[in-house]
Amino acid sequence: MPLIHNAMKAAGEQLFIVAFLWSPQSWMKTNGEMNNSGKLLTEYAAFWTDYYSKYIVAMEEERRFDLVRMWFEVLSMFFL
């Protein structure tokens, strides 16, 4: 949060913040890699969901995001 607070202070205005929920960690995926696709292992589904739920709640309490995306690909930025 300090980084966001500093950026807003430097900008002198409210920023439009997009939260991109990235891929699960490699140890939670079927292929054991951050790249090359892979799927979330079912035994980590609840953990991954809880982690991002806590992130969203914390950001909401700070009123610091405007949009949440569930995946990130380079071209997805053009389809907000």
Protein backbone atom coordinates (compact mmCIF):
# COMPACT_ATOMS: atom_id res chain seq x y z
CA MET A 1 0.00 0.00 0.00
CA PRO A 2 2.81 2.51 0.58
CA LEU A 3 3.73 2.35 -3.12
CA ILE A 4 0.15 3.16 -4.13
CA HIS A 5 -0.08 5.99 -1.58
CA ASN A 6 3.19 7.46 -2.84
CA ALA A 7 2.09 7.22 -6.47
CA MET A 8 -1.19 9.00 -5.71
CA LYS A 9 0.63 11.70 -3.79
CA ALA A 10 3.09 12.21 -6.66
CA ALA A 11 0.26 12.32 -9.21
CA GLY A 12 -1.67 14.79 -7.11
CA GLU A 13 -4.95 13.10 -7.97
CA GLN A 14 -6.89 9.86 -7.74
CA LEU A 15 -5.45 7.12 -9.94
CA PHE A 16 -7.41 4.51 -11.91
CA ILE A 17 -6.05 1.24 -10.53
CA VAL A 18 -6.49 -2.12 -12.23
CA ALA A 19 -5.71 -5.25 -10.22
CA PHE A 20 -4.54 -8.15 -12.40
CA LEU A 21 -4.80 -11.46 -10.58
CA TRP A 22 -1.84 -13.37 -11.88
CA SER A 23 -1.26 -17.06 -12.31
CA PRO A 24 -0.93 -19.27 -9.26
CA GLN A 25 2.59 -20.05 -8.11
CA SER A 26 4.37 -22.85 -9.97
CA TRP A 27 4.04 -25.25 -7.03
CA MET A 28 0.24 -24.92 -7.27
CA LYS A 29 0.08 -25.81 -10.98
CA THR A 30 -0.15 -29.08 -12.88
CA ASN A 31 3.00 -28.41 -14.91
CA GLY A 32 5.08 -27.01 -12.02
CA GLU A 33 5.94 -23.91 -14.07
CA MET A 34 4.95 -20.24 -14.09
CA ASN A 35 4.92 -20.32 -17.90
CA ASN A 36 3.59 -22.75 -20.48
CA SER A 37 0.03 -22.79 -19.19
CA GLY A 38 -0.67 -25.48 -16.63
CA LYS A 39 -3.78 -25.57 -14.49
CA LEU A 40 -4.40 -24.94 -10.83
CA LEU A 41 -4.18 -28.19 -8.87
CA THR A 42 -7.53 -28.88 -7.19
CA GLU A 43 -5.90 -29.26 -3.76
CA TYR A 44 -4.83 -25.60 -3.92
CA ALA A 45 -8.09 -24.12 -5.23
CA ALA A 46 -9.35 -23.04 -1.79
CA PHE A 47 -5.94 -21.58 -0.84
CA TRP A 48 -5.68 -19.59 -4.09
CA THR A 49 -9.26 -18.32 -3.75
CA ASP A 50 -8.74 -17.29 -0.11
CA TYR A 51 -5.51 -15.48 -1.00
CA TYR A 52 -7.14 -13.37 -3.69
CA SER A 53 -10.28 -12.79 -1.62
CA LYS A 54 -8.13 -11.32 1.15
CA TYR A 55 -6.30 -9.16 -1.39
CA ILE A 56 -9.56 -7.79 -2.83
CA VAL A 57 -11.00 -7.08 0.64
CA ALA A 58 -7.81 -5.28 1.73
CA MET A 59 -7.78 -3.16 -1.42
CA GLU A 60 -11.48 -2.41 -1.05
CA GLU A 61 -10.95 -1.24 2.54
CA GLU A 62 -8.35 1.19 1.20
CA ARG A 63 -10.63 2.10 -1.74
CA ARG A 64 -7.64 1.60 -3.99
CA PHE A 65 -8.80 -0.25 -7.10
CA ASP A 66 -11.28 0.38 -9.85
CA LEU A 67 -11.18 -2.86 -11.80
CA VAL A 68 -10.15 -6.45 -11.06
CA ARG A 69 -9.13 -8.80 -13.87
CA MET A 70 -8.79 -12.54 -13.32
CA TRP A 71 -5.99 -13.07 -15.84
CA PHE A 72 -3.24 -11.14 -17.52
CA GLU A 73 -2.06 -11.40 -21.07
CA VAL A 74 -0.25 -8.65 -22.91
CA LEU A 75 -3.11 -8.11 -25.37
CA SER A 76 -5.80 -8.24 -22.68
CA MET A 77 -4.98 -4.62 -21.81
CA PHE A 78 -6.65 -3.62 -25.07
CA PHE A 79 -9.92 -5.29 -24.08
CA LEU A 80 -10.63 -3.65 -20.72
